[in-house]
PDB file of N, CA and C in Angstrom:
ATOM      1  N   MET A   1       2.758  15.027  -6.777  1.00  0.00           N
ATOM      2  CA  MET A   1       3.538  15.616  -5.710  1.00  0.00           C
ATOM      3  C   MET A   1       2.618  15.839  -4.515  1.00  0.00           C
ATOM      4  N   SER A   2       3.090  15.468  -3.349  1.00  0.00           N
ATOM      5  CA  SER A   2       2.251  15.625  -2.166  1.00  0.00           C
ATOM      6  C   SER A   2       2.779  16.750  -1.283  1.00  0.00           C
ATOM      7  N   ALA A   3       1.868  17.363  -0.593  1.00  0.00           N
ATOM      8  CA  ALA A   3       2.226  18.442   0.331  1.00  0.00           C
ATOM      9  C   ALA A   3       2.480  17.830   1.699  1.00  0.00           C
ATOM     10  N   PRO A   4       3.373  18.406   2.480  1.00  0.00           N
ATOM     11  CA  PRO A   4       3.603  17.881   3.823  1.00  0.00           C
ATOM     12  C   PRO A   4       2.370  18.091   4.696  1.00  0.00           C
ATOM     13  N   ALA A   5       2.183  17.188   5.630  1.00  0.00           N
ATOM     14  CA  ALA A   5       1.059  17.312   6.558  1.00  0.00           C
ATOM     15  C   ALA A   5       1.302  18.494   7.486  1.00  0.00           C
ATOM     16  N   PRO A   6       0.231  19.147   7.928  1.00  0.00           N
ATOM     17  CA  PRO A   6       0.400  20.266   8.861  1.00  0.00           C
ATOM     18  C   PRO A   6       0.997  19.781  10.179  1.00  0.00           C
ATOM     19  N   PRO A   7       1.705  20.644  10.904  1.00  0.00           N
ATOM     20  CA  PRO A   7       2.297  20.243  12.187  1.00  0.00           C
ATOM     21  C   PRO A   7       1.241  19.659  13.117  1.00  0.00           C
ATOM     22  N   GLY A   8       1.598  18.584  13.787  1.00  0.00           N
ATOM     23  CA  GLY A   8       0.676  17.948  14.718  1.00  0.00           C
ATOM     24  C   GLY A   8      -0.317  17.010  14.070  1.00  0.00           C
ATOM     25  N   PHE A   9      -0.308  16.931  12.742  1.00  0.00           N
ATOM     26  CA  PHE A   9      -1.267  16.066  12.053  1.00  0.00           C
ATOM     27  C   PHE A   9      -0.940  14.596  12.272  1.00  0.00           C
ATOM     28  N   CYS A  10       0.333  14.267  12.270  1.00  0.00           N
ATOM     29  CA  CYS A  10       0.756  12.877  12.392  1.00  0.00           C
ATOM     30  C   CYS A  10       1.942  12.802  13.342  1.00  0.00           C
ATOM     31  N   SER A  11       1.930  11.828  14.223  1.00  0.00           N
ATOM     32  CA  SER A  11       3.029  11.711  15.180  1.00  0.00           C
ATOM     33  C   SER A  11       4.141  10.789  14.688  1.00  0.00           C
ATOM     34  N   VAL A  12       4.064  10.336  13.437  1.00  0.00           N
ATOM     35  CA  VAL A  12       5.082   9.454  12.874  1.00  0.00           C
ATOM     36  C   VAL A  12       6.126  10.297  12.161  1.00  0.00           C
ATOM     37  N   ASN A  13       7.384  10.056  12.455  1.00  0.00           N
ATOM     38  CA  ASN A  13       8.455  10.777  11.774  1.00  0.00           C
ATOM     39  C   ASN A  13       8.487  10.408  10.297  1.00  0.00           C
ATOM     40  N   THR A  14       8.910  11.339   9.454  1.00  0.00           N
ATOM     41  CA  THR A  14       9.005  11.054   8.032  1.00  0.00           C
ATOM     42  C   THR A  14      10.271  10.261   7.753  1.00  0.00           C
ATOM     43  N   GLY A  15      10.347   9.733   6.549  1.00  0.00           N
ATOM     44  CA  GLY A  15      11.518   8.964   6.149  1.00  0.00           C
ATOM     45  C   GLY A  15      11.270   7.474   6.231  1.00  0.00           C
ATOM     46  N   ASN A  16      12.319   6.723   6.117  1.00  0.00           N
ATOM     47  CA  ASN A  16      12.253   5.273   6.130  1.00  0.00           C
ATOM     48  C   ASN A  16      13.203   4.776   7.218  1.00  0.00           C
ATOM     49  N   PRO A  17      12.785   4.822   8.489  1.00  0.00           N
ATOM     50  CA  PRO A  17      13.697   4.518   9.584  1.00  0.00           C
ATOM     51  C   PRO A  17      14.293   3.116   9.522  1.00  0.00           C
ATOM     52  N   LYS A  18      13.567   2.146   9.007  1.00  0.00           N
ATOM     53  CA  LYS A  18      14.102   0.786   8.913  1.00  0.00           C
ATOM     54  C   LYS A  18      14.850   0.561   7.603  1.00  0.00           C
ATOM     55  N   GLY A  19      14.652   1.424   6.624  1.00  0.00           N
ATOM     56  CA  GLY A  19      15.386   1.330   5.378  1.00  0.00           C
ATOM     57  C   GLY A  19      15.001   0.177   4.474  1.00  0.00           C
ATOM     58  N   TRP A  20      13.753  -0.302   4.555  1.00  0.00           N
ATOM     59  CA  TRP A  20      13.381  -1.431   3.719  1.00  0.00           C
ATOM     60  C   TRP A  20      11.964  -1.334   3.187  1.00  0.00           C
ATOM     61  N   LEU A  21      11.720  -2.116   2.145  1.00  0.00           N
ATOM     62  CA  LEU A  21      10.381  -2.393   1.630  1.00  0.00           C
ATOM     63  C   LEU A  21      10.206  -3.897   1.704  1.00  0.00           C
ATOM     64  N   ASP A  22       9.012  -4.364   1.917  1.00  0.00           N
ATOM     65  CA  ASP A  22       8.747  -5.796   1.961  1.00  0.00           C
ATOM     66  C   ASP A  22       8.127  -6.199   0.634  1.00  0.00           C
ATOM     67  N   PRO A  23       8.926  -6.667  -0.353  1.00  0.00           N
ATOM     68  CA  PRO A  23       8.385  -6.976  -1.674  1.00  0.00           C
ATOM     69  C   PRO A  23       7.391  -8.132  -1.666  1.00  0.00           C
ATOM     70  N   GLN A  24       7.434  -8.971  -0.657  1.00  0.00           N
ATOM     71  CA  GLN A  24       6.498 -10.091  -0.599  1.00  0.00           C
ATOM     72  C   GLN A  24       5.186  -9.715   0.089  1.00  0.00           C
ATOM     73  N   GLU A  25       5.206  -8.682   0.896  1.00  0.00           N
ATOM     74  CA  GLU A  25       4.029  -8.252   1.660  1.00  0.00           C
ATOM     75  C   GLU A  25       3.250  -9.460   2.196  1.00  0.00           C
ATOM     76  N   PRO A  26       3.879 -10.314   3.025  1.00  0.00           N
ATOM     77  CA  PRO A  26       3.216 -11.541   3.465  1.00  0.00           C
ATOM     78  C   PRO A  26       1.921 -11.312   4.222  1.00  0.00           C
ATOM     79  N   ARG A  27       1.857 -10.265   5.024  1.00  0.00           N
ATOM     80  CA  ARG A  27       0.617 -10.044   5.773  1.00  0.00           C
ATOM     81  C   ARG A  27      -0.527  -9.686   4.842  1.00  0.00           C
ATOM     82  N   THR A  28      -0.223  -8.932   3.793  1.00  0.00           N
ATOM     83  CA  THR A  28      -1.255  -8.580   2.826  1.00  0.00           C
ATOM     84  C   THR A  28      -1.723  -9.821   2.090  1.00  0.00           C
ATOM     85  N   ARG A  29      -0.793 -10.636   1.655  1.00  0.00           N
ATOM     86  CA  ARG A  29      -1.149 -11.855   0.927  1.00  0.00           C
ATOM     87  C   ARG A  29      -1.952 -12.805   1.816  1.00  0.00           C
ATOM     88  N   GLN A  30      -1.566 -12.949   3.091  1.00  0.00           N
ATOM     89  CA  GLN A  30      -2.299 -13.827   3.991  1.00  0.00           C
ATOM     90  C   GLN A  30      -3.714 -13.321   4.220  1.00  0.00           C
ATOM     91  N   SER A  31      -3.888 -12.033   4.308  1.00  0.00           N
ATOM     92  CA  SER A  31      -5.219 -11.487   4.557  1.00  0.00           C
ATOM     93  C   SER A  31      -6.140 -11.688   3.359  1.00  0.00           C
ATOM     94  N   ARG A  32      -5.560 -11.924   2.184  1.00  0.00           N
ATOM     95  CA  ARG A  32      -6.365 -12.168   0.991  1.00  0.00           C
ATOM     96  C   ARG A  32      -6.602 -13.652   0.759  1.00  0.00           C
ATOM     97  N   ALA A  33      -6.261 -14.502   1.730  1.00  0.00           N
ATOM     98  CA  ALA A  33      -6.374 -15.942   1.550  1.00  0.00           C
ATOM     99  C   ALA A  33      -7.820 -16.413   1.444  1.00  0.00           C
ATOM    100  N   VAL A  34      -8.769 -15.597   1.849  1.00  0.00           N
ATOM    101  CA  VAL A  34     -10.178 -15.947   1.732  1.00  0.00           C
ATOM    102  C   VAL A  34     -10.512 -16.092   0.256  1.00  0.00           C
ATOM    103  N   ASP A  35     -11.243 -17.134  -0.094  1.00  0.00           N
ATOM    104  CA  ASP A  35     -11.564 -17.386  -1.497  1.00  0.00           C
ATOM    105  C   ASP A  35     -12.596 -16.394  -2.012  1.00  0.00           C
ATOM    106  N   GLY A  36     -12.221 -15.660  -3.017  1.00  0.00           N
ATOM    107  CA  GLY A  36     -13.129 -14.774  -3.723  1.00  0.00           C
ATOM    108  C   GLY A  36     -13.593 -13.537  -2.985  1.00  0.00           C
ATOM    109  N   PRO A  37     -12.696 -12.740  -2.406  1.00  0.00           N
ATOM    110  CA  PRO A  37     -13.171 -11.510  -1.760  1.00  0.00           C
ATOM    111  C   PRO A  37     -13.824 -10.587  -2.778  1.00  0.00           C
ATOM    112  N   LYS A  38     -14.848  -9.881  -2.369  1.00  0.00           N
ATOM    113  CA  LYS A  38     -15.543  -8.976  -3.283  1.00  0.00           C
ATOM    114  C   LYS A  38     -14.849  -7.619  -3.379  1.00  0.00           C
ATOM    115  N   TYR A  39     -14.205  -7.213  -2.297  1.00  0.00           N
ATOM    116  CA  TYR A  39     -13.590  -5.893  -2.277  1.00  0.00           C
ATOM    117  C   TYR A  39     -12.369  -5.919  -1.374  1.00  0.00           C
ATOM    118  N   VAL A  40     -11.278  -5.347  -1.829  1.00  0.00           N
ATOM    119  CA  VAL A  40     -10.051  -5.233  -1.042  1.00  0.00           C
ATOM    120  C   VAL A  40      -9.698  -3.755  -0.963  1.00  0.00           C
ATOM    121  N   VAL A  41      -9.462  -3.262   0.251  1.00  0.00           N
ATOM    122  CA  VAL A  41      -9.043  -1.870   0.430  1.00  0.00           C
ATOM    123  C   VAL A  41      -7.623  -1.881   0.981  1.00  0.00           C
ATOM    124  N   LEU A  42      -6.722  -1.222   0.268  1.00  0.00           N
ATOM    125  CA  LEU A  42      -5.328  -1.120   0.694  1.00  0.00           C
ATOM    126  C   LEU A  42      -5.060   0.301   1.155  1.00  0.00           C
ATOM    127  N   THR A  43      -4.484   0.422   2.330  1.00  0.00           N
ATOM    128  CA  THR A  43      -4.090   1.746   2.808  1.00  0.00           C
ATOM    129  C   THR A  43      -2.585   1.729   3.046  1.00  0.00           C
ATOM    130  N   SER A  44      -1.994   2.885   3.115  1.00  0.00           N
ATOM    131  CA  SER A  44      -0.549   2.942   3.309  1.00  0.00           C
ATOM    132  C   SER A  44      -0.156   4.267   3.943  1.00  0.00           C
ATOM    133  N   VAL A  45       1.072   4.299   4.376  1.00  0.00           N
ATOM    134  CA  VAL A  45       1.634   5.557   4.849  1.00  0.00           C
ATOM    135  C   VAL A  45       2.238   6.278   3.658  1.00  0.00           C
ATOM    136  N   ASN A  46       2.508   7.551   3.822  1.00  0.00           N
ATOM    137  CA  ASN A  46       3.149   8.332   2.767  1.00  0.00           C
ATOM    138  C   ASN A  46       4.579   7.839   2.595  1.00  0.00           C
ATOM    139  N   ARG A  47       4.962   7.455   1.379  1.00  0.00           N
ATOM    140  CA  ARG A  47       6.326   6.993   1.116  1.00  0.00           C
ATOM    141  C   ARG A  47       7.105   8.066   0.378  1.00  0.00           C
ATOM    142  N   ASP A  48       7.174   9.243   0.978  1.00  0.00           N
ATOM    143  CA  ASP A  48       7.913  10.331   0.347  1.00  0.00           C
ATOM    144  C   ASP A  48       9.421  10.111   0.397  1.00  0.00           C
ATOM    145  N   ASP A  49       9.853   9.014   1.030  1.00  0.00           N
ATOM    146  CA  ASP A  49      11.273   8.671   1.036  1.00  0.00           C
ATOM    147  C   ASP A  49      11.682   7.944  -0.245  1.00  0.00           C
ATOM    148  N   LEU A  50      10.713   7.543  -1.060  1.00  0.00           N
ATOM    149  CA  LEU A  50      10.992   6.840  -2.315  1.00  0.00           C
ATOM    150  C   LEU A  50      10.804   7.783  -3.490  1.00  0.00           C
ATOM    151  N   PRO A  51      11.613   7.628  -4.541  1.00  0.00           N
ATOM    152  CA  PRO A  51      11.559   8.563  -5.678  1.00  0.00           C
ATOM    153  C   PRO A  51      10.174   8.704  -6.300  1.00  0.00           C
ATOM    154  N   GLU A  52       9.456   7.606  -6.463  1.00  0.00           N
ATOM    155  CA  GLU A  52       8.151   7.677  -7.098  1.00  0.00           C
ATOM    156  C   GLU A  52       7.026   7.569  -6.074  1.00  0.00           C
ATOM    157  N   GLY A  53       7.354   7.838  -4.812  1.00  0.00           N
ATOM    158  CA  GLY A  53       6.356   7.800  -3.751  1.00  0.00           C
ATOM    159  C   GLY A  53       5.880   6.402  -3.406  1.00  0.00           C
ATOM    160  N   GLY A  54       6.592   5.373  -3.872  1.00  0.00           N
ATOM    161  CA  GLY A  54       6.215   3.995  -3.599  1.00  0.00           C
ATOM    162  C   GLY A  54       5.208   3.430  -4.580  1.00  0.00           C
ATOM    163  N   ALA A  55       4.949   4.120  -5.682  1.00  0.00           N
ATOM    164  CA  ALA A  55       3.925   3.696  -6.643  1.00  0.00           C
ATOM    165  C   ALA A  55       4.181   2.299  -7.196  1.00  0.00           C
ATOM    166  N   SER A  56       5.417   1.976  -7.530  1.00  0.00           N
ATOM    167  CA  SER A  56       5.701   0.656  -8.103  1.00  0.00           C
ATOM    168  C   SER A  56       5.484  -0.440  -7.065  1.00  0.00           C
ATOM    169  N   HIS A  57       5.852  -0.180  -5.819  1.00  0.00           N
ATOM    170  CA  HIS A  57       5.633  -1.157  -4.750  1.00  0.00           C
ATOM    171  C   HIS A  57       4.130  -1.352  -4.514  1.00  0.00           C
ATOM    172  N   TYR A  58       3.403  -0.265  -4.506  1.00  0.00           N
ATOM    173  CA  TYR A  58       1.954  -0.316  -4.318  1.00  0.00           C
ATOM    174  C   TYR A  58       1.299  -1.135  -5.427  1.00  0.00           C
ATOM    175  N   ALA A  59       1.741  -0.907  -6.678  1.00  0.00           N
ATOM    176  CA  ALA A  59       1.191  -1.641  -7.823  1.00  0.00           C
ATOM    177  C   ALA A  59       1.445  -3.136  -7.689  1.00  0.00           C
ATOM    178  N   GLU A  60       2.607  -3.515  -7.177  1.00  0.00           N
ATOM    179  CA  GLU A  60       2.923  -4.931  -7.004  1.00  0.00           C
ATOM    180  C   GLU A  60       2.031  -5.586  -5.950  1.00  0.00           C
ATOM    181  N   VAL A  61       1.543  -4.822  -5.005  1.00  0.00           N
ATOM    182  CA  VAL A  61       0.628  -5.355  -3.995  1.00  0.00           C
ATOM    183  C   VAL A  61      -0.779  -5.502  -4.575  1.00  0.00           C
ATOM    184  N   VAL A  62      -1.160  -4.621  -5.487  1.00  0.00           N
ATOM    185  CA  VAL A  62      -2.503  -4.645  -6.076  1.00  0.00           C
ATOM    186  C   VAL A  62      -2.640  -5.747  -7.128  1.00  0.00           C
ATOM    187  N   ARG A  63      -1.593  -6.028  -7.881  1.00  0.00           N
ATOM    188  CA  ARG A  63      -1.689  -6.992  -8.991  1.00  0.00           C
ATOM    189  C   ARG A  63      -2.105  -8.407  -8.583  1.00  0.00           C
ATOM    190  N   PRO A  64      -1.540  -9.010  -7.520  1.00  0.00           N
ATOM    191  CA  PRO A  64      -1.926 -10.390  -7.202  1.00  0.00           C
ATOM    192  C   PRO A  64      -3.414 -10.618  -6.959  1.00  0.00           C
ATOM    193  N   PRO A  65      -4.108  -9.780  -6.164  1.00  0.00           N
ATOM    194  CA  PRO A  65      -5.536 -10.071  -5.993  1.00  0.00           C
ATOM    195  C   PRO A  65      -6.322  -9.894  -7.287  1.00  0.00           C
ATOM    196  N   LYS A  66      -5.919  -8.942  -8.124  1.00  0.00           N
ATOM    197  CA  LYS A  66      -6.623  -8.741  -9.399  1.00  0.00           C
ATOM    198  C   LYS A  66      -6.379  -9.919 -10.336  1.00  0.00           C
ATOM    199  N   ALA A  67      -5.196 -10.519 -10.292  1.00  0.00           N
ATOM    200  CA  ALA A  67      -4.896 -11.665 -11.152  1.00  0.00           C
ATOM    201  C   ALA A  67      -5.647 -12.912 -10.678  1.00  0.00           C
ATOM    202  N   LYS A  68      -5.685 -13.126  -9.378  1.00  0.00           N
ATOM    203  CA  LYS A  68      -6.340 -14.320  -8.837  1.00  0.00           C
ATOM    204  C   LYS A  68      -7.858 -14.187  -8.830  1.00  0.00           C
ATOM    205  N   PHE A  69      -8.347 -13.005  -8.526  1.00  0.00           N
ATOM    206  CA  PHE A  69      -9.787 -12.755  -8.447  1.00  0.00           C
ATOM    207  C   PHE A  69     -10.123 -11.527  -9.288  1.00  0.00           C
ATOM    208  N   PRO A  70     -10.233 -11.662 -10.624  1.00  0.00           N
ATOM    209  CA  PRO A  70     -10.464 -10.494 -11.482  1.00  0.00           C
ATOM    210  C   PRO A  70     -11.737  -9.720 -11.138  1.00  0.00           C
ATOM    211  N   GLU A  71     -12.701 -10.388 -10.532  1.00  0.00           N
ATOM    212  CA  GLU A  71     -13.957  -9.721 -10.188  1.00  0.00           C
ATOM    213  C   GLU A  71     -13.847  -8.889  -8.911  1.00  0.00           C
ATOM    214  N   THR A  72     -12.750  -9.037  -8.194  1.00  0.00           N
ATOM    215  CA  THR A  72     -12.541  -8.304  -6.951  1.00  0.00           C
ATOM    216  C   THR A  72     -12.211  -6.845  -7.235  1.00  0.00           C
ATOM    217  N   ALA A  73     -12.923  -5.952  -6.586  1.00  0.00           N
ATOM    218  CA  ALA A  73     -12.621  -4.521  -6.698  1.00  0.00           C
ATOM    219  C   ALA A  73     -11.514  -4.194  -5.701  1.00  0.00           C
ATOM    220  N   VAL A  74     -10.520  -3.449  -6.149  1.00  0.00           N
ATOM    221  CA  VAL A  74      -9.420  -3.052  -5.274  1.00  0.00           C
ATOM    222  C   VAL A  74      -9.456  -1.544  -5.111  1.00  0.00           C
ATOM    223  N   GLY A  75      -9.633  -1.093  -3.888  1.00  0.00           N
ATOM    224  CA  GLY A  75      -9.643   0.335  -3.603  1.00  0.00           C
ATOM    225  C   GLY A  75      -8.337   0.743  -2.952  1.00  0.00           C
ATOM    226  N   ALA A  76      -7.812   1.860  -3.390  1.00  0.00           N
ATOM    227  CA  ALA A  76      -6.576   2.392  -2.828  1.00  0.00           C
ATOM    228  C   ALA A  76      -6.796   3.868  -2.511  1.00  0.00           C
ATOM    229  N   PRO A  77      -7.470   4.163  -1.388  1.00  0.00           N
ATOM    230  CA  PRO A  77      -7.854   5.543  -1.095  1.00  0.00           C
ATOM    231  C   PRO A  77      -6.691   6.489  -0.847  1.00  0.00           C
ATOM    232  N   ASP A  78      -5.513   5.958  -0.556  1.00  0.00           N
ATOM    233  CA  ASP A  78      -4.376   6.816  -0.230  1.00  0.00           C
ATOM    234  C   ASP A  78      -3.585   7.259  -1.448  1.00  0.00           C
ATOM    235  N   THR A  79      -3.975   6.816  -2.622  1.00  0.00           N
ATOM    236  CA  THR A  79      -3.192   7.141  -3.820  1.00  0.00           C
ATOM    237  C   THR A  79      -3.674   8.420  -4.437  1.00  0.00           C
TER     238      THR A  79
END
């Protein structure tokens, strides 16, 4: 469970204004096109609009680089 940010901390409104998730995450996949990255860092916004905070979506983004490049370390500092 996450606590709300203090007032003035973030200028982005909460919620999901566009009402979607991008299950393909094409920009993420394209950025990993380099052969054999040593380290991938994924950051995200707070998805408090989703029941599980977006954990399943986040996991789906992490799995492809680990499957293709098992030696690649994946950091997710926002989790």
